[in-house]
Amino acid sequence: MPVISSNKPYRIGRSKTGLGLFATKSIKKGEKIIRYFGPLLDTKKEEDDAVENKYLFELDKRWTIDGSVRENIARYINHSCRPNAESDVKPRKKKIFIRAIKNIEPGEEINYDYGTDYFKAYLKPIGCKCEACERKRKKKRAEARAERIRLKEKEERKAKRKAEKPVKGDSRVKAKPRVKSTVKTTTHGKAGTKPTTKARRGLNSGVRRSKAPSLNEQAQAA
C-alpha cells in the first residue's frame, strides 16, 4: 500500500466495496482533493489502444490516462451514485483532479460518479454497492416484505370468513316434512270455502219450486 504524507487530507482504508479513500481532515466544497494520474495512452497507437483495465480515464477521444500505477492514490476512490466529489477533467493540460462538491467531514469516504460507460461495463453486471444503492435496495426489500405480509394476512382473513360461512344445503335447522291434507274437496270447490256466485247459481238451477194454484184455477178445475 502506498505511503501517504500526514499533511494530506485523506487516507486509504477499508470500505464496503474493498479499499477506499477516507477524509482525515475537513474538506470544503469546491476544494481540490487529489490528482488522478498515470501514463498517457494514445488511442491512435495500436499498442496503447489495446490496453485494458478498470483504471483507464478518458481525457478526450484520443488521450487516456492509465491510472493503474501504484503511485496513483486516487484510484482507491470508489464510485457512488450520490457522490460528494467529482472529476475535474482538463483535456488541454492532460490532467484530472478530484474536487469536492460537498463539505466532507473527517472519517467520511470520498467518492465520485465514474460515469455511464464505466457503470454499464463494470458495475451494473454485479450490482452497484455504493451507499445510495444499498439504501435503495434495502428500502425495496422492506417494501416487498411488507407486501408479502399484507397478502398473507389478506388470505388468512379470506380463509377465516370462508370457514365461518355456512355451506349451502348443510343447514343445521332441519326442514319440517310436509303433511298431505286429508280433507277431500267437493265438486263445487275446495272444502271449507264459500261457493262463488256462479256456483250458487248452478246449485239452484237444477230445482224449480212449484207455485200454489190460485182460486180461479181451483174453480175451473172443479
Protein backbone atom coordinates (compact mmCIF):
# COMPACT_ATOMS: atom_id res chain seq x y z
CA MET A 1 0.00 0.00 0.00
CA PRO A 2 1.44 3.39 -0.96
CA VAL A 3 2.66 5.73 1.78
CA ILE A 4 0.62 8.91 2.20
CA SER A 5 2.02 12.08 3.76
CA SER A 6 0.43 13.04 7.06
CA ASN A 7 -0.35 16.54 5.77
CA LYS A 8 -2.70 15.12 3.15
CA PRO A 9 -6.44 15.27 3.98
CA TYR A 10 -7.07 11.62 3.19
CA ARG A 11 -6.03 8.04 3.94
CA ILE A 12 -6.60 4.60 2.44
CA GLY A 13 -8.98 2.48 4.49
CA ARG A 14 -11.34 -0.47 4.39
CA SER A 15 -14.62 0.21 2.60
CA LYS A 16 -17.77 -1.85 1.96
CA THR A 17 -16.54 -2.50 -1.58
CA GLY A 18 -12.90 -3.17 -0.68
CA LEU A 19 -10.35 -0.40 -0.18
CA GLY A 20 -11.41 3.24 -0.31
CA LEU A 21 -10.15 6.75 0.31
CA PHE A 22 -11.33 8.48 3.50
CA ALA A 23 -11.05 12.07 4.67
CA THR A 24 -8.76 12.71 7.66
CA LYS A 25 -9.50 16.44 7.76
CA SER A 26 -12.46 18.63 6.86
CA ILE A 27 -12.62 19.25 3.11
CA LYS A 28 -14.61 22.25 1.93
CA LYS A 29 -16.91 22.25 -1.09
CA GLY A 30 -15.01 23.16 -4.28
CA GLU A 31 -11.61 22.20 -2.86
CA LYS A 32 -9.24 20.03 -4.93
CA ILE A 33 -8.61 16.78 -3.10
CA ILE A 34 -6.21 14.75 -5.22
CA ARG A 35 -4.89 14.36 -8.77
CA TYR A 36 -5.70 11.27 -10.83
CA PHE A 37 -2.56 10.46 -12.81
CA GLY A 38 -0.70 7.77 -14.75
CA PRO A 39 0.86 7.12 -18.16
CA LEU A 40 -0.79 8.81 -21.13
CA LEU A 41 -2.15 6.43 -23.76
CA ASP A 42 -2.61 7.48 -27.36
CA THR A 43 -5.59 5.62 -28.85
CA LYS A 44 -4.14 6.16 -32.33
CA LYS A 45 -1.34 3.78 -31.42
CA GLU A 46 -2.32 0.14 -31.62
CA GLU A 47 -0.35 -0.91 -28.52
CA ASP A 48 -1.89 1.87 -26.40
CA ASP A 49 -5.38 1.21 -27.69
CA ALA A 50 -5.00 -2.48 -26.76
CA VAL A 51 -4.50 -1.68 -23.04
CA GLU A 52 -7.47 -2.82 -20.94
CA ASN A 53 -8.02 -2.35 -17.20
CA LYS A 54 -10.51 -0.77 -14.77
CA TYR A 55 -8.43 2.36 -14.17
CA LEU A 56 -8.46 3.92 -17.63
CA PHE A 57 -9.68 7.52 -17.51
CA GLU A 58 -10.51 9.11 -20.85
CA LEU A 59 -9.43 12.71 -21.36
CA ASP A 60 -10.82 13.03 -24.89
CA LYS A 61 -11.28 10.87 -27.99
CA ARG A 62 -7.53 10.47 -28.39
CA TRP A 63 -5.89 10.63 -24.96
CA THR A 64 -6.49 8.35 -21.97
CA ILE A 65 -4.79 8.17 -18.59
CA ASP A 66 -3.85 4.71 -17.32
CA GLY A 67 -4.41 5.07 -13.59
CA SER A 68 -3.47 1.52 -12.67
CA VAL A 69 0.01 2.53 -11.41
CA ARG A 70 0.60 2.03 -7.68
CA GLU A 71 1.51 5.67 -7.09
CA ASN A 72 -1.93 6.82 -8.24
CA ILE A 73 -3.68 7.00 -4.85
CA ALA A 74 -6.81 8.49 -6.50
CA ARG A 75 -7.56 5.07 -7.97
CA TYR A 76 -8.73 3.98 -4.48
CA ILE A 77 -11.67 6.41 -4.65
CA ASN A 78 -14.83 4.37 -5.12
CA HIS A 79 -17.88 5.08 -7.25
CA SER A 80 -21.10 6.46 -5.79
CA CYS A 81 -24.43 7.32 -7.38
CA ARG A 82 -24.76 10.08 -4.73
CA PRO A 83 -21.15 11.32 -4.58
CA ASN A 84 -19.50 14.01 -2.50
CA ALA A 85 -16.82 14.71 -5.13
CA GLU A 86 -16.42 14.86 -8.91
CA SER A 87 -13.74 14.55 -11.56
CA ASP A 88 -12.44 17.85 -12.95
CA VAL A 89 -11.04 16.94 -16.38
CA LYS A 90 -8.64 19.31 -18.12
CA PRO A 91 -8.00 17.87 -21.61
CA ARG A 92 -5.59 20.59 -22.77
CA LYS A 93 -3.34 20.16 -19.74
CA LYS A 94 -3.96 16.38 -19.85
CA LYS A 95 -4.72 16.40 -16.14
CA ILE A 96 -7.58 15.18 -13.94
CA PHE A 97 -8.33 16.38 -10.41
CA ILE A 98 -10.89 15.08 -7.95
CA ARG A 99 -12.77 18.03 -6.43
CA ALA A 100 -15.25 18.15 -3.54
CA ILE A 101 -18.83 19.08 -4.43
CA LYS A 102 -19.93 18.96 -0.78
CA ASN A 103 -18.36 19.64 2.59
CA ILE A 104 -16.66 16.38 3.58
CA GLU A 105 -16.13 15.61 7.26
CA PRO A 106 -13.22 13.60 8.76
CA GLY A 107 -13.86 9.85 8.55
CA GLU A 108 -16.23 10.22 5.61
CA GLU A 109 -15.43 8.21 2.49
CA ILE A 110 -14.58 10.22 -0.62
CA ASN A 111 -16.37 9.10 -3.78
CA TYR A 112 -17.41 10.30 -7.23
CA ASP A 113 -19.55 9.12 -10.14
CA TYR A 114 -17.49 7.02 -12.58
CA GLY A 115 -19.83 7.78 -15.48
CA THR A 116 -22.39 5.86 -17.55
CA ASP A 117 -19.95 3.84 -19.70
CA TYR A 118 -17.98 2.52 -16.74
CA PHE A 119 -21.18 1.83 -14.79
CA LYS A 120 -22.66 -0.27 -17.61
CA ALA A 121 -19.42 -2.15 -18.29
CA TYR A 122 -18.29 -2.99 -14.74
CA LEU A 123 -20.85 -2.08 -12.05
CA LYS A 124 -24.26 -2.90 -13.49
CA PRO A 125 -23.49 -6.62 -14.16
CA ILE A 126 -22.58 -7.18 -10.48
CA GLY A 127 -24.83 -4.50 -8.97
CA CYS A 128 -23.69 -1.14 -7.65
CA LYS A 129 -22.66 -1.40 -3.98
CA CYS A 130 -22.50 2.28 -3.15
CA GLU A 131 -24.29 3.51 -0.04
CA ALA A 132 -27.08 5.18 -2.03
CA CYS A 133 -27.87 1.99 -3.97
CA GLU A 134 -27.65 -0.11 -0.80
CA ARG A 135 -30.25 2.14 0.86
CA LYS A 136 -32.46 1.89 -2.23
CA ARG A 137 -32.22 -1.93 -2.26
CA LYS A 138 -32.88 -2.06 1.49
CA LYS A 139 -36.00 0.07 1.02
CA LYS A 140 -37.23 -2.16 -1.82
CA ARG A 141 -36.65 -5.29 0.27
CA ALA A 142 -38.61 -3.76 3.17
CA GLU A 143 -41.48 -2.80 0.84
CA ALA A 144 -41.54 -6.29 -0.71
CA ARG A 145 -41.55 -7.88 2.75
CA ALA A 146 -44.43 -5.64 3.87
CA GLU A 147 -46.37 -6.53 0.71
CA ARG A 148 -45.88 -10.27 1.33
CA ILE A 149 -47.14 -9.87 4.92
CA ARG A 150 -50.16 -7.87 3.70
CA LEU A 151 -51.09 -10.51 1.12
CA LYS A 152 -50.63 -13.30 3.68
CA GLU A 153 -52.93 -11.56 6.17
CA LYS A 154 -55.47 -10.97 3.42
CA GLU A 155 -55.50 -14.67 2.52
CA GLU A 156 -55.86 -15.63 6.18
CA ARG A 157 -58.85 -13.30 6.62
CA LYS A 158 -60.42 -14.71 3.46
CA ALA A 159 -59.94 -18.29 4.65
CA LYS A 160 -61.41 -17.42 8.06
CA ARG A 161 -64.53 -15.88 6.51
CA LYS A 162 -64.94 -18.90 4.26
CA ALA A 163 -64.70 -21.26 7.24
CA GLU A 164 -67.31 -19.31 9.22
CA LYS A 165 -69.76 -19.09 6.31
CA PRO A 166 -72.37 -21.98 6.39
CA VAL A 167 -72.28 -24.34 3.46
CA LYS A 168 -75.36 -24.25 1.22
CA GLY A 169 -77.58 -27.36 1.70
CA ASP A 170 -75.94 -28.20 5.01
CA SER A 171 -78.13 -26.13 7.35
CA ARG A 172 -78.27 -27.18 10.98
CA VAL A 173 -82.04 -26.48 11.16
CA LYS A 174 -83.88 -29.41 9.58
CA ALA A 175 -86.87 -28.62 7.41
CA LYS A 176 -90.20 -29.96 8.68
CA PRO A 177 -91.77 -32.68 6.47
CA ARG A 178 -94.81 -31.66 4.52
CA VAL A 179 -98.12 -33.31 5.67
CA LYS A 180 -100.63 -34.05 2.96
CA SER A 181 -104.13 -32.73 3.67
CA THR A 182 -106.77 -35.45 4.28
CA VAL A 183 -109.73 -33.12 3.62
CA LYS A 184 -111.45 -34.03 0.38
CA THR A 185 -112.61 -31.35 -1.94
CA THR A 186 -116.20 -31.22 -3.26
CA THR A 187 -117.21 -30.91 -6.83
CA HIS A 188 -118.10 -27.27 -6.31
CA GLY A 189 -114.81 -26.13 -4.83
CA LYS A 190 -112.38 -26.69 -2.01
CA ALA A 191 -113.67 -27.89 1.31
CA GLY A 192 -114.42 -25.20 3.83
CA THR A 193 -114.66 -22.47 1.20
CA LYS A 194 -117.74 -20.44 0.32
CA PRO A 195 -119.13 -21.20 -3.17
CA THR A 196 -118.89 -18.42 -5.70
CA THR A 197 -121.92 -16.71 -7.25
CA LYS A 198 -121.75 -18.95 -10.28
CA ALA A 199 -121.61 -22.00 -8.11
CA ARG A 200 -124.64 -20.86 -6.11
CA ARG A 201 -126.49 -20.26 -9.30
CA GLY A 202 -125.58 -23.66 -10.52
CA LEU A 203 -126.95 -25.28 -7.34
CA ASN A 204 -130.32 -23.59 -7.69
CA SER A 205 -130.62 -24.11 -11.44
CA GLY A 206 -131.41 -27.82 -11.18
CA VAL A 207 -134.53 -27.46 -8.91
CA ARG A 208 -137.70 -25.48 -9.74
CA ARG A 209 -140.20 -24.63 -7.00
CA SER A 210 -143.99 -25.07 -7.90
CA LYS A 211 -146.44 -22.22 -7.17
CA ALA A 212 -149.71 -22.76 -5.18
CA PRO A 213 -152.87 -22.73 -7.50
CA SER A 214 -154.96 -19.57 -7.41
CA LEU A 215 -158.81 -19.57 -6.55
CA ASN A 216 -159.79 -19.22 -10.30
CA GLU A 217 -157.68 -22.14 -11.21
CA GLN A 218 -159.23 -24.22 -8.42
CA ALA A 219 -162.82 -23.30 -9.58
CA GLN A 220 -162.02 -24.20 -13.20
CA ALA A 221 -160.59 -27.48 -12.13
CA ALA A 222 -163.73 -28.31 -10.17
